[in-house]
C-alpha atoms as a PDB file:
ATOM      1  CA  MET A   1      21.389  43.691-162.251  1.00  0.00           C
ATOM      2  CA  LEU A   2      22.320  41.153-159.584  1.00  0.00           C
ATOM      3  CA  LYS A   3      25.687  40.572-161.259  1.00  0.00           C
ATOM      4  CA  ARG A   4      26.400  44.325-161.330  1.00  0.00           C
ATOM      5  CA  THR A   5      25.421  44.643-157.641  1.00  0.00           C
ATOM      6  CA  ALA A   6      27.689  41.741-156.731  1.00  0.00           C
ATOM      7  CA  LEU A   7      30.529  43.279-158.744  1.00  0.00           C
ATOM      8  CA  VAL A   8      30.108  46.688-157.078  1.00  0.00           C
ATOM      9  CA  THR A   9      30.028  45.049-153.650  1.00  0.00           C
ATOM     10  CA  ALA A  10      33.234  43.112-154.378  1.00  0.00           C
ATOM     11  CA  ILE A  11      35.034  46.208-155.667  1.00  0.00           C
ATOM     12  CA  THR A  12      33.899  48.238-152.632  1.00  0.00           C
ATOM     13  CA  ALA A  13      35.134  45.526-150.258  1.00  0.00           C
ATOM     14  CA  THR A  14      38.485  45.386-152.036  1.00  0.00           C
ATOM     15  CA  LEU A  15      38.906  49.161-151.862  1.00  0.00           C
ATOM     16  CA  MET A  16      38.002  49.196-148.155  1.00  0.00           C
ATOM     17  CA  THR A  17      40.510  46.419-147.439  1.00  0.00           C
ATOM     18  CA  SER A  18      43.199  48.245-149.389  1.00  0.00           C
ATOM     19  CA  ALA A  19      42.468  51.425-147.463  1.00  0.00           C
ATOM     20  CA  VAL A  20      42.800  49.599-144.132  1.00  0.00           C
ATOM     21  CA  HIS A  21      46.142  48.054-145.092  1.00  0.00           C
ATOM     22  CA  SER A  22      47.482  51.280-146.574  1.00  0.00           C
ATOM     23  CA  SER A  23      46.704  53.373-143.487  1.00  0.00           C
ATOM     24  CA  PRO A  24      49.570  53.504-140.968  1.00  0.00           C
ATOM     25  CA  LEU A  25      49.469  51.403-137.831  1.00  0.00           C
ATOM     26  CA  SER A  26      49.103  53.269-134.573  1.00  0.00           C
ATOM     27  CA  LEU A  27      50.754  51.765-131.479  1.00  0.00           C
ATOM     28  CA  LYS A  28      50.845  53.021-127.901  1.00  0.00           C
ATOM     29  CA  VAL A  29      53.961  51.878-126.030  1.00  0.00           C
ATOM     30  CA  LEU A  30      54.461  52.042-122.248  1.00  0.00           C
ATOM     31  CA  GLY A  31      58.191  52.213-121.538  1.00  0.00           C
ATOM     32  CA  GLN A  32      60.650  51.864-118.692  1.00  0.00           C
ATOM     33  CA  PRO A  33      60.807  54.699-116.120  1.00  0.00           C
ATOM     34  CA  ALA A  34      62.441  57.816-117.568  1.00  0.00           C
ATOM     35  CA  GLY A  35      65.032  57.904-114.797  1.00  0.00           C
ATOM     36  CA  SER A  36      65.873  54.210-114.697  1.00  0.00           C
ATOM     37  CA  GLY A  37      69.064  54.522-116.723  1.00  0.00           C
ATOM     38  CA  LEU A  38      70.823  54.394-120.043  1.00  0.00           C
ATOM     39  CA  ILE A  39      69.103  51.284-121.378  1.00  0.00           C
ATOM     40  CA  ALA A  40      65.810  53.154-121.429  1.00  0.00           C
ATOM     41  CA  GLN A  41      67.400  56.390-122.643  1.00  0.00           C
ATOM     42  CA  GLN A  42      69.845  55.076-125.243  1.00  0.00           C
ATOM     43  CA  LYS A  43      68.218  51.883-126.503  1.00  0.00           C
ATOM     44  CA  GLU A  44      64.526  51.557-125.761  1.00  0.00           C
ATOM     45  CA  ALA A  45      63.197  55.095-126.282  1.00  0.00           C
ATOM     46  CA  PRO A  46      65.131  55.699-129.548  1.00  0.00           C
ATOM     47  CA  PHE A  47      64.036  52.300-130.884  1.00  0.00           C
ATOM     48  CA  PHE A  48      60.323  52.879-130.391  1.00  0.00           C
ATOM     49  CA  SER A  49      60.556  56.503-131.494  1.00  0.00           C
ATOM     50  CA  SER A  50      61.952  55.217-134.801  1.00  0.00           C
ATOM     51  CA  LEU A  51      59.960  51.980-134.963  1.00  0.00           C
ATOM     52  CA  ALA A  52      59.044  52.495-138.619  1.00  0.00           C
ATOM     53  CA  GLU A  53      62.728  52.622-139.537  1.00  0.00           C
ATOM     54  CA  HIS A  54      63.611  49.547-137.480  1.00  0.00           C
ATOM     55  CA  THR A  55      60.731  47.383-138.695  1.00  0.00           C
ATOM     56  CA  GLY A  56      59.960  48.655-142.189  1.00  0.00           C
ATOM     57  CA  LEU A  57      56.345  49.083-141.082  1.00  0.00           C
ATOM     58  CA  ASP A  58      54.185  52.099-141.791  1.00  0.00           C
ATOM     59  CA  VAL A  59      53.580  52.842-138.112  1.00  0.00           C
ATOM     60  CA  ASN A  60      53.020  55.767-135.776  1.00  0.00           C
ATOM     61  CA  VAL A  61      54.128  55.275-132.184  1.00  0.00           C
ATOM     62  CA  GLN A  62      53.189  57.057-128.999  1.00  0.00           C
ATOM     63  CA  TYR A  63      55.939  56.159-126.486  1.00  0.00           C
ATOM     64  CA  LEU A  64      55.438  57.065-122.834  1.00  0.00           C
ATOM     65  CA  PRO A  65      57.661  56.117-119.860  1.00  0.00           C
ATOM     66  CA  VAL A  66      55.657  54.393-117.144  1.00  0.00           C
ATOM     67  CA  ASP A  67      56.433  57.022-114.513  1.00  0.00           C
ATOM     68  CA  VAL A  68      55.507  59.867-116.863  1.00  0.00           C
ATOM     69  CA  ALA A  69      52.221  58.082-117.547  1.00  0.00           C
ATOM     70  CA  GLY A  70      51.590  57.980-113.804  1.00  0.00           C
ATOM     71  CA  ILE A  71      51.145  54.198-113.855  1.00  0.00           C
ATOM     72  CA  PRO A  72      52.744  52.007-111.143  1.00  0.00           C
ATOM     73  CA  ASP A  73      55.428  49.768-112.678  1.00  0.00           C
ATOM     74  CA  THR A  74      53.772  46.834-110.914  1.00  0.00           C
ATOM     75  CA  ASP A  75      50.729  47.200-113.189  1.00  0.00           C
ATOM     76  CA  GLY A  76      52.390  46.380-116.526  1.00  0.00           C
ATOM     77  CA  LEU A  77      50.519  43.137-117.117  1.00  0.00           C
ATOM     78  CA  ARG A  78      47.189  44.632-116.098  1.00  0.00           C
ATOM     79  CA  VAL A  79      47.758  47.476-118.532  1.00  0.00           C
ATOM     80  CA  LEU A  80      48.371  44.949-121.308  1.00  0.00           C
ATOM     81  CA  ARG A  81      45.222  43.016-120.474  1.00  0.00           C
ATOM     82  CA  SER A  82      43.160  46.198-120.415  1.00  0.00           C
ATOM     83  CA  GLY A  83      44.400  47.243-123.864  1.00  0.00           C
ATOM     84  CA  LEU A  84      45.262  50.728-122.584  1.00  0.00           C
ATOM     85  CA  PHE A  85      48.673  50.306-124.267  1.00  0.00           C
ATOM     86  CA  ASP A  86      49.515  48.007-127.165  1.00  0.00           C
ATOM     87  CA  ILE A  87      53.104  47.217-126.132  1.00  0.00           C
ATOM     88  CA  VAL A  88      54.516  47.345-122.607  1.00  0.00           C
ATOM     89  CA  SER A  89      58.137  47.282-121.518  1.00  0.00           C
ATOM     90  CA  LEU A  90      57.640  44.949-118.575  1.00  0.00           C
ATOM     91  CA  ARG A  91      59.682  45.365-115.405  1.00  0.00           C
ATOM     92  CA  GLY A  92      60.072  41.679-114.636  1.00  0.00           C
ATOM     93  CA  PRO A  93      60.686  41.792-110.873  1.00  0.00           C
ATOM     94  CA  GLN A  94      57.788  44.183-110.333  1.00  0.00           C
ATOM     95  CA  VAL A  95      55.146  42.452-112.478  1.00  0.00           C
ATOM     96  CA  SER A  96      56.078  39.003-111.159  1.00  0.00           C
ATOM     97  CA  ARG A  97      53.688  39.727-108.306  1.00  0.00           C
ATOM     98  CA  ASP A  98      50.847  39.318-110.819  1.00  0.00           C
ATOM     99  CA  GLU A  99      52.430  36.399-112.690  1.00  0.00           C
ATOM    100  CA  PRO A 100      54.848  34.340-110.538  1.00  0.00           C
ATOM    101  CA  SER A 101      56.195  32.338-113.480  1.00  0.00           C
ATOM    102  CA  ILE A 102      58.158  35.426-114.564  1.00  0.00           C
ATOM    103  CA  LEU A 103      60.252  35.125-111.421  1.00  0.00           C
ATOM    104  CA  GLY A 104      61.308  31.661-112.582  1.00  0.00           C
ATOM    105  CA  LEU A 105      63.441  33.387-115.222  1.00  0.00           C
ATOM    106  CA  ASP A 106      65.595  35.048-112.581  1.00  0.00           C
ATOM    107  CA  LEU A 107      65.576  33.416-109.144  1.00  0.00           C
ATOM    108  CA  ILE A 108      68.195  34.546-106.643  1.00  0.00           C
ATOM    109  CA  GLY A 109      71.398  32.623-107.357  1.00  0.00           C
ATOM    110  CA  LEU A 110      70.235  31.437-110.787  1.00  0.00           C
ATOM    111  CA  ASN A 111      71.765  34.018-113.126  1.00  0.00           C
ATOM    112  CA  THR A 112      75.119  34.965-111.659  1.00  0.00           C
ATOM    113  CA  SER A 113      76.539  35.810-115.091  1.00  0.00           C
ATOM    114  CA  PHE A 114      75.224  37.093-118.417  1.00  0.00           C
ATOM    115  CA  ALA A 115      76.037  33.793-120.131  1.00  0.00           C
ATOM    116  CA  ALA A 116      74.092  31.776-117.556  1.00  0.00           C
ATOM    117  CA  GLY A 117      71.235  34.238-117.805  1.00  0.00           C
ATOM    118  CA  ARG A 118      70.870  33.835-121.561  1.00  0.00           C
ATOM    119  CA  GLU A 119      70.643  30.056-121.251  1.00  0.00           C
ATOM    120  CA  ASN A 120      68.240  29.976-118.316  1.00  0.00           C
ATOM    121  CA  VAL A 121      65.913  32.636-119.700  1.00  0.00           C
ATOM    122  CA  ALA A 122      65.747  30.915-123.080  1.00  0.00           C
ATOM    123  CA  ALA A 123      64.866  27.607-121.416  1.00  0.00           C
ATOM    124  CA  PHE A 124      61.826  28.979-119.559  1.00  0.00           C
ATOM    125  CA  TYR A 125      60.771  31.633-122.097  1.00  0.00           C
ATOM    126  CA  ASP A 126      58.038  29.644-123.869  1.00  0.00           C
ATOM    127  CA  TYR A 127      56.326  28.719-120.610  1.00  0.00           C
ATOM    128  CA  VAL A 128      56.205  32.328-119.426  1.00  0.00           C
ATOM    129  CA  ASP A 129      54.864  33.359-122.838  1.00  0.00           C
ATOM    130  CA  SER A 130      52.085  30.769-122.588  1.00  0.00           C
ATOM    131  CA  ARG A 131      51.131  32.055-119.140  1.00  0.00           C
ATOM    132  CA  LEU A 132      50.925  35.661-120.361  1.00  0.00           C
ATOM    133  CA  GLN A 133      48.753  34.617-123.287  1.00  0.00           C
ATOM    134  CA  ASP A 134      46.385  32.618-121.086  1.00  0.00           C
ATOM    135  CA  ARG A 135      46.059  35.087-118.197  1.00  0.00           C
ATOM    136  CA  PHE A 136      46.813  38.540-119.577  1.00  0.00           C
ATOM    137  CA  ASN A 137      45.903  38.392-123.269  1.00  0.00           C
ATOM    138  CA  ALA A 138      49.523  39.263-124.077  1.00  0.00           C
ATOM    139  CA  LYS A 139      52.350  37.799-126.129  1.00  0.00           C
ATOM    140  CA  LEU A 140      55.976  37.964-125.011  1.00  0.00           C
ATOM    141  CA  LEU A 141      58.204  39.430-127.730  1.00  0.00           C
ATOM    142  CA  GLY A 142      61.599  39.534-126.037  1.00  0.00           C
ATOM    143  CA  THR A 143      63.517  39.605-122.757  1.00  0.00           C
ATOM    144  CA  TRP A 144      66.634  41.429-121.571  1.00  0.00           C
ATOM    145  CA  PRO A 145      68.603  42.090-118.357  1.00  0.00           C
ATOM    146  CA  ALA A 146      68.867  45.383-116.520  1.00  0.00           C
ATOM    147  CA  GLY A 147      72.160  43.956-115.263  1.00  0.00           C
ATOM    148  CA  PRO A 148      73.628  42.094-112.271  1.00  0.00           C
ATOM    149  CA  GLN A 149      71.848  43.169-109.102  1.00  0.00           C
ATOM    150  CA  VAL A 150      74.298  44.147-106.373  1.00  0.00           C
ATOM    151  CA  ILE A 151      73.973  45.640-102.890  1.00  0.00           C
ATOM    152  CA  PHE A 152      74.448  49.314-101.983  1.00  0.00           C
ATOM    153  CA  CYS A 153      74.542  50.364 -98.305  1.00  0.00           C
ATOM    154  CA  ARG A 154      74.676  53.592 -96.315  1.00  0.00           C
ATOM    155  CA  GLY A 155      77.164  52.192 -93.806  1.00  0.00           C
ATOM    156  CA  GLU A 156      80.175  49.953 -94.009  1.00  0.00           C
ATOM    157  CA  ILE A 157      79.553  46.251 -94.595  1.00  0.00           C
ATOM    158  CA  GLY A 158      82.032  43.461 -95.104  1.00  0.00           C
ATOM    159  CA  GLY A 159      79.780  40.839 -96.615  1.00  0.00           C
ATOM    160  CA  LEU A 160      76.316  39.295 -96.669  1.00  0.00           C
ATOM    161  CA  ASP A 161      76.305  38.506 -92.938  1.00  0.00           C
ATOM    162  CA  ASP A 162      76.447  42.225 -92.189  1.00  0.00           C
ATOM    163  CA  LEU A 163      72.982  42.687 -93.666  1.00  0.00           C
ATOM    164  CA  GLN A 164      71.506  41.182 -90.508  1.00  0.00           C
ATOM    165  CA  GLY A 165      69.101  43.612 -88.881  1.00  0.00           C
ATOM    166  CA  LYS A 166      69.151  46.006 -91.842  1.00  0.00           C
ATOM    167  CA  ARG A 167      66.247  47.226 -93.962  1.00  0.00           C
ATOM    168  CA  VAL A 168      67.001  46.365 -97.588  1.00  0.00           C
ATOM    169  CA  ARG A 169      65.108  47.558-100.648  1.00  0.00           C
ATOM    170  CA  VAL A 170      64.465  44.553-102.904  1.00  0.00           C
ATOM    171  CA  GLY A 171      63.127  44.225-106.418  1.00  0.00           C
ATOM    172  CA  ASP A 172      61.052  41.074-106.026  1.00  0.00           C
ATOM    173  CA  GLN A 173      59.896  38.373-103.639  1.00  0.00           C
ATOM    174  CA  SER A 174      62.846  36.101-104.396  1.00  0.00           C
ATOM    175  CA  ALA A 175      65.256  38.791-103.179  1.00  0.00           C
ATOM    176  CA  ALA A 176      63.059  39.474-100.140  1.00  0.00           C
ATOM    177  CA  ASN A 177      63.172  35.791 -99.201  1.00  0.00           C
ATOM    178  CA  PHE A 178      66.955  35.700 -99.614  1.00  0.00           C
ATOM    179  CA  VAL A 179      67.737  38.744 -97.457  1.00  0.00           C
ATOM    180  CA  GLY A 180      65.191  37.455 -94.936  1.00  0.00           C
ATOM    181  CA  GLN A 181      67.306  34.311 -94.564  1.00  0.00           C
ATOM    182  CA  LEU A 182      70.243  36.595 -93.764  1.00  0.00           C
ATOM    183  CA  GLY A 183      68.311  38.297 -90.967  1.00  0.00           C
ATOM    184  CA  ALA A 184      67.475  41.445 -92.938  1.00  0.00           C
ATOM    185  CA  THR A 185      64.055  42.898 -93.775  1.00  0.00           C
ATOM    186  CA  GLY A 186      63.236  43.088 -97.466  1.00  0.00           C
ATOM    187  CA  ILE A 187      61.273  46.185 -98.424  1.00  0.00           C
ATOM    188  CA  SER A 188      59.541  46.652-101.779  1.00  0.00           C
ATOM    189  CA  MET A 189      59.869  50.209-103.072  1.00  0.00           C
ATOM    190  CA  PRO A 190      59.611  51.947-106.471  1.00  0.00           C
ATOM    191  CA  PHE A 191      62.989  52.772-107.990  1.00  0.00           C
ATOM    192  CA  GLY A 192      62.301  56.505-107.960  1.00  0.00           C
ATOM    193  CA  ASP A 193      61.803  56.538-104.173  1.00  0.00           C
ATOM    194  CA  VAL A 194      65.009  54.727-103.237  1.00  0.00           C
ATOM    195  CA  GLN A 195      67.574  57.527-103.344  1.00  0.00           C
ATOM    196  CA  GLN A 196      65.577  59.738-101.008  1.00  0.00           C
ATOM    197  CA  SER A 197      64.779  56.811 -98.698  1.00  0.00           C
ATOM    198  CA  LEU A 198      68.479  56.011 -98.416  1.00  0.00           C
ATOM    199  CA  SER A 199      69.279  59.663 -97.713  1.00  0.00           C
ATOM    200  CA  ARG A 200      66.696  59.854 -94.942  1.00  0.00           C
ATOM    201  CA  GLY A 201      67.640  56.526 -93.399  1.00  0.00           C
ATOM    202  CA  VAL A 202      64.266  54.935 -94.147  1.00  0.00           C
ATOM    203  CA  ILE A 203      66.247  52.009 -95.552  1.00  0.00           C
ATOM    204  CA  ASP A 204      69.850  50.968 -94.891  1.00  0.00           C
ATOM    205  CA  CYS A 205      70.679  49.174 -98.131  1.00  0.00           C
ATOM    206  CA  ALA A 206      69.188  48.657-101.572  1.00  0.00           C
ATOM    207  CA  ILE A 207      69.616  46.202-104.420  1.00  0.00           C
ATOM    208  CA  THR A 208      69.834  47.195-108.087  1.00  0.00           C
ATOM    209  CA  GLY A 209      72.241  47.206-111.034  1.00  0.00           C
ATOM    210  CA  PRO A 210      75.300  49.512-110.872  1.00  0.00           C
ATOM    211  CA  ALA A 211      74.250  51.463-113.966  1.00  0.00           C
ATOM    212  CA  SER A 212      70.742  52.095-112.650  1.00  0.00           C
ATOM    213  CA  ALA A 213      72.159  53.092-109.270  1.00  0.00           C
ATOM    214  CA  ASN A 214      74.505  55.529-110.969  1.00  0.00           C
ATOM    215  CA  SER A 215      71.706  57.081-113.029  1.00  0.00           C
ATOM    216  CA  GLY A 216      69.505  57.327-109.945  1.00  0.00           C
ATOM    217  CA  GLY A 217      72.176  59.000-107.833  1.00  0.00           C
ATOM    218  CA  TRP A 218      72.298  56.221-105.253  1.00  0.00           C
ATOM    219  CA  PRO A 219      76.054  56.671-104.609  1.00  0.00           C
ATOM    220  CA  GLU A 220      75.230  60.136-103.246  1.00  0.00           C
ATOM    221  CA  ALA A 221      73.346  58.464-100.392  1.00  0.00           C
ATOM    222  CA  THR A 222      75.481  55.353 -99.884  1.00  0.00           C
ATOM    223  CA  THR A 223      79.083  54.586 -99.001  1.00  0.00           C
ATOM    224  CA  THR A 224      79.563  50.925 -99.865  1.00  0.00           C
ATOM    225  CA  VAL A 225      78.793  48.487-102.652  1.00  0.00           C
ATOM    226  CA  LEU A 226      79.002  44.696-102.385  1.00  0.00           C
ATOM    227  CA  PRO A 227      79.408  43.613-106.039  1.00  0.00           C
ATOM    228  CA  ILE A 228      77.975  40.119-105.769  1.00  0.00           C
ATOM    229  CA  ALA A 229      75.524  39.285-108.572  1.00  0.00           C
ATOM    230  CA  LEU A 230      72.269  38.073-107.036  1.00  0.00           C
ATOM    231  CA  GLN A 231      70.087  38.294-110.179  1.00  0.00           C
ATOM    232  CA  LEU A 232      70.048  39.953-113.597  1.00  0.00           C
ATOM    233  CA  ALA A 233      66.678  41.741-113.236  1.00  0.00           C
ATOM    234  CA  ILE A 234      65.107  40.267-116.358  1.00  0.00           C
ATOM    235  CA  ASN A 235      62.706  42.624-118.120  1.00  0.00           C
ATOM    236  CA  GLY A 236      60.851  42.181-121.391  1.00  0.00           C
ATOM    237  CA  TYR A 237      58.493  43.374-124.095  1.00  0.00           C
ATOM    238  CA  ALA A 238      54.961  42.105-124.563  1.00  0.00           C
ATOM    239  CA  ILE A 239      52.122  43.037-126.890  1.00  0.00           C
ATOM    240  CA  ASN A 240      48.369  42.900-126.362  1.00  0.00           C
ATOM    241  CA  LEU A 241      47.039  39.850-128.233  1.00  0.00           C
ATOM    242  CA  ASP A 242      44.165  41.763-129.805  1.00  0.00           C
ATOM    243  CA  THR A 243      46.694  44.182-131.284  1.00  0.00           C
ATOM    244  CA  TRP A 244      48.930  41.296-132.357  1.00  0.00           C
ATOM    245  CA  ASN A 245      46.122  39.358-133.999  1.00  0.00           C
ATOM    246  CA  GLY A 246      45.096  42.489-135.875  1.00  0.00           C
ATOM    247  CA  LEU A 247      48.433  42.520-137.701  1.00  0.00           C
ATOM    248  CA  THR A 248      49.086  40.645-140.928  1.00  0.00           C
ATOM    249  CA  ASP A 249      51.526  37.721-140.870  1.00  0.00           C
ATOM    250  CA  GLU A 250      54.132  39.901-142.539  1.00  0.00           C
ATOM    251  CA  GLN A 251      53.656  42.712-140.009  1.00  0.00           C
ATOM    252  CA  GLN A 252      53.946  40.246-137.129  1.00  0.00           C
ATOM    253  CA  THR A 253      57.188  38.868-138.541  1.00  0.00           C
ATOM    254  CA  GLN A 254      58.692  42.321-139.021  1.00  0.00           C
ATOM    255  CA  LEU A 255      57.736  43.559-135.556  1.00  0.00           C
ATOM    256  CA  GLU A 256      58.819  40.407-133.736  1.00  0.00           C
ATOM    257  CA  ALA A 257      62.178  40.306-135.530  1.00  0.00           C
ATOM    258  CA  ALA A 258      62.909  43.959-134.739  1.00  0.00           C
ATOM    259  CA  ILE A 259      62.080  43.632-131.039  1.00  0.00           C
ATOM    260  CA  ALA A 260      64.101  40.418-130.824  1.00  0.00           C
ATOM    261  CA  GLN A 261      67.060  42.344-132.255  1.00  0.00           C
ATOM    262  CA  LEU A 262      66.515  45.162-129.762  1.00  0.00           C
ATOM    263  CA  SER A 263      66.448  42.664-126.902  1.00  0.00           C
ATOM    264  CA  ASP A 264      69.653  41.043-128.125  1.00  0.00           C
ATOM    265  CA  ASP A 265      71.345  44.446-128.418  1.00  0.00           C
ATOM    266  CA  ILE A 266      70.356  45.258-124.837  1.00  0.00           C
ATOM    267  CA  TRP A 267      71.936  42.023-123.573  1.00  0.00           C
ATOM    268  CA  ASP A 268      75.282  43.195-124.965  1.00  0.00           C
ATOM    269  CA  TYR A 269      74.792  46.816-123.924  1.00  0.00           C
ATOM    270  CA  SER A 270      73.803  45.810-120.388  1.00  0.00           C
ATOM    271  CA  GLU A 271      77.089  43.962-119.916  1.00  0.00           C
ATOM    272  CA  GLU A 272      79.028  46.959-121.219  1.00  0.00           C
ATOM    273  CA  LEU A 273      77.151  49.308-118.887  1.00  0.00           C
ATOM    274  CA  TYR A 274      77.704  47.051-115.881  1.00  0.00           C
ATOM    275  CA  GLU A 275      81.469  47.059-116.230  1.00  0.00           C
ATOM    276  CA  ASP A 276      81.606  50.814-116.822  1.00  0.00           C
ATOM    277  CA  ALA A 277      79.215  51.645-113.971  1.00  0.00           C
ATOM    278  CA  MET A 278      81.214  49.583-111.487  1.00  0.00           C
ATOM    279  CA  ARG A 279      84.257  51.696-112.339  1.00  0.00           C
ATOM    280  CA  CYS A 280      82.264  54.947-112.217  1.00  0.00           C
ATOM    281  CA  ASN A 281      80.718  54.182-108.833  1.00  0.00           C
ATOM    282  CA  ALA A 282      84.131  53.439-107.331  1.00  0.00           C
ATOM    283  CA  GLY A 283      85.788  56.501-108.873  1.00  0.00           C
ATOM    284  CA  GLU A 284      87.896  54.458-111.259  1.00  0.00           C
ATOM    285  CA  THR A 285      88.618  55.036-114.941  1.00  0.00           C
ATOM    286  CA  PRO A 286      87.622  54.771-117.683  1.00  0.00           C
ATOM    287  CA  CYS A 287      84.166  56.062-116.722  1.00  0.00           C
ATOM    288  CA  GLU A 288      82.465  56.653-120.078  1.00  0.00           C
ATOM    289  CA  PHE A 289      78.720  56.496-119.491  1.00  0.00           C
ATOM    290  CA  GLY A 290      78.051  57.563-115.919  1.00  0.00           C
ATOM    291  CA  THR A 291      78.949  59.959-113.116  1.00  0.00           C
ATOM    292  CA  SER A 292      82.101  59.330-111.107  1.00  0.00           C
ATOM    293  CA  TYR A 293      81.604  58.664-107.388  1.00  0.00           C
ATOM    294  CA  SER A 294      83.794  57.239-104.625  1.00  0.00           C
ATOM    295  CA  LEU A 295      82.025  54.204-103.210  1.00  0.00           C
ATOM    296  CA  THR A 296      84.022  51.611-101.292  1.00  0.00           C
ATOM    297  CA  GLU A 297      83.880  48.323-103.206  1.00  0.00           C
ATOM    298  CA  VAL A 298      83.848  45.389-100.808  1.00  0.00           C
ATOM    299  CA  PRO A 299      85.802  42.289-101.927  1.00  0.00           C
ATOM    300  CA  VAL A 300      83.458  39.349-102.496  1.00  0.00           C
ATOM    301  CA  SER A 301      84.358  36.342-100.379  1.00  0.00           C
ATOM    302  CA  GLU A 302      84.166  32.714-101.447  1.00  0.00           C
ATOM    303  CA  GLU A 303      81.776  32.177 -98.542  1.00  0.00           C
ATOM    304  CA  ASP A 304      79.331  34.759 -99.907  1.00  0.00           C
ATOM    305  CA  LEU A 305      79.598  33.338-103.435  1.00  0.00           C
ATOM    306  CA  ALA A 306      78.731  29.916-102.019  1.00  0.00           C
ATOM    307  CA  LYS A 307      75.699  31.343-100.200  1.00  0.00           C
ATOM    308  CA  VAL A 308      74.331  32.873-103.388  1.00  0.00           C
ATOM    309  CA  ALA A 309      74.962  29.720-105.414  1.00  0.00           C
ATOM    310  CA  ALA A 310      73.217  27.587-102.797  1.00  0.00           C
ATOM    311  CA  ALA A 311      70.256  29.952-102.619  1.00  0.00           C
ATOM    312  CA  VAL A 312      68.590  28.435-105.694  1.00  0.00           C
ATOM    313  CA  GLU A 313      67.962  25.046-104.115  1.00  0.00           C
ATOM    314  CA  GLU A 314      67.804  26.142-100.478  1.00  0.00           C
ATOM    315  CA  VAL A 315      65.786  29.371-100.593  1.00  0.00           C
ATOM    316  CA  SER A 316      64.552  30.857-103.852  1.00  0.00           C
ATOM    317  CA  LEU A 317      63.348  27.735-105.702  1.00  0.00           C
ATOM    318  CA  PRO A 318      61.348  26.085-102.890  1.00  0.00           C
ATOM    319  CA  ILE A 319      59.526  29.277-101.876  1.00  0.00           C
ATOM    320  CA  TRP A 320      58.898  30.400-105.467  1.00  0.00           C
ATOM    321  CA  ALA A 321      57.702  26.936-106.541  1.00  0.00           C
ATOM    322  CA  THR A 322      55.031  26.950-103.834  1.00  0.00           C
ATOM    323  CA  GLN A 323      53.798  30.367-104.962  1.00  0.00           C
ATOM    324  CA  CYS A 324      53.874  29.541-108.674  1.00  0.00           C
ATOM    325  CA  ASN A 325      52.270  26.122-108.303  1.00  0.00           C
ATOM    326  CA  ALA A 326      49.393  27.766-106.445  1.00  0.00           C
ATOM    327  CA  VAL A 327      48.370  29.565-109.650  1.00  0.00           C
ATOM    328  CA  ALA A 328      49.736  27.080-112.210  1.00  0.00           C
ATOM    329  CA  ALA A 329      49.915  23.434-111.193  1.00  0.00           C
ATOM    330  CA  ASP A 330      52.610  22.593-113.754  1.00  0.00           C
ATOM    331  CA  CYS A 331      54.868  25.583-113.022  1.00  0.00           C
ATOM    332  CA  GLU A 332      57.588  23.913-110.958  1.00  0.00           C
ATOM    333  CA  ALA A 333      57.502  20.750-113.064  1.00  0.00           C
ATOM    334  CA  VAL A 334      58.131  22.677-116.294  1.00  0.00           C
ATOM    335  CA  TRP A 335      60.897  24.720-114.626  1.00  0.00           C
ATOM    336  CA  ARG A 336      62.655  21.537-113.478  1.00  0.00           C
ATOM    337  CA  GLU A 337      62.312  19.977-116.932  1.00  0.00           C
ATOM    338  CA  THR A 338      63.852  23.028-118.581  1.00  0.00           C
ATOM    339  CA  VAL A 339      66.034  25.245-116.391  1.00  0.00           C
ATOM    340  CA  GLY A 340      66.490  22.604-113.706  1.00  0.00           C
ATOM    341  CA  GLN A 341      67.697  20.066-116.233  1.00  0.00           C
ATOM    342  CA  GLN A 342      70.323  22.528-117.485  1.00  0.00           C
ATOM    343  CA  LEU A 343      71.511  23.036-113.902  1.00  0.00           C
ATOM    344  CA  GLY A 344      71.563  19.324-113.173  1.00  0.00           C
ATOM    345  CA  LEU A 345      68.960  19.612-110.414  1.00  0.00           C
END
């Protein structure tokens, strides 16, 4: 009798396990803002909507842009920790307020090209991942750039010195510190509020990528663009660790590989969008992906390029290191051993 009971128990357990593994996964994904541009519309949303096809997993996905969900884009890491969503498309500059190490991926003056960005982000990636796991119960699955962050203004400017006295919308604290050194006031503001704020004169200038600016209609409220790359606006994908640990090894491998491929695709697509959007914003051709405007494109001087290059050591690194070390004693040291070593600092 005992043997039969044991056998029945074993069979029941096996059937229950099989049922669990055969039922489809269900994942809730919080995405980029719906109006933030073509990366969200053409790459991210289609990928997660067809996640089963991209990963080979039996999975159902509920994908919701962060603005549609009514969640501030600054709360991405808190959402992950709460478990409200399983996967979050993190807006790096915005969530860096909760985890300063993220800003170490993209300090002002650090990533002035896509090639430099790939190297620097890869060097500091593991440290940021470890911080997210320790503090936010989240695992980093991939990173990608929104694109070179340039300066759009309502009035005419000839270079960085002309930002003095102006109110400039910035994406993160590193940018705020940089424009502050130029005599401007850095103002943090959600992307969706910028176009109207420019139109009403609440702010004089704003920093973002050309493709995002085009999608958001910024050229309708500005006259000038200074195309000097300050940052790449590094974003990323992270998954709640409870969700991650609930997957089998095979499921983890399939999901991680697919999101890594998506991230890599966005790196290439972002560069393509940048070049096209710069032409679109200035009314040049070919303009394939955006709306054609007629912004004045200010020539970038060697003096301004030198200011941005020097900003890493003189402005962004010292201020950021103090902030990051305050929450993680080894933050600056690891950055210098990885990214800093690549730069020869």
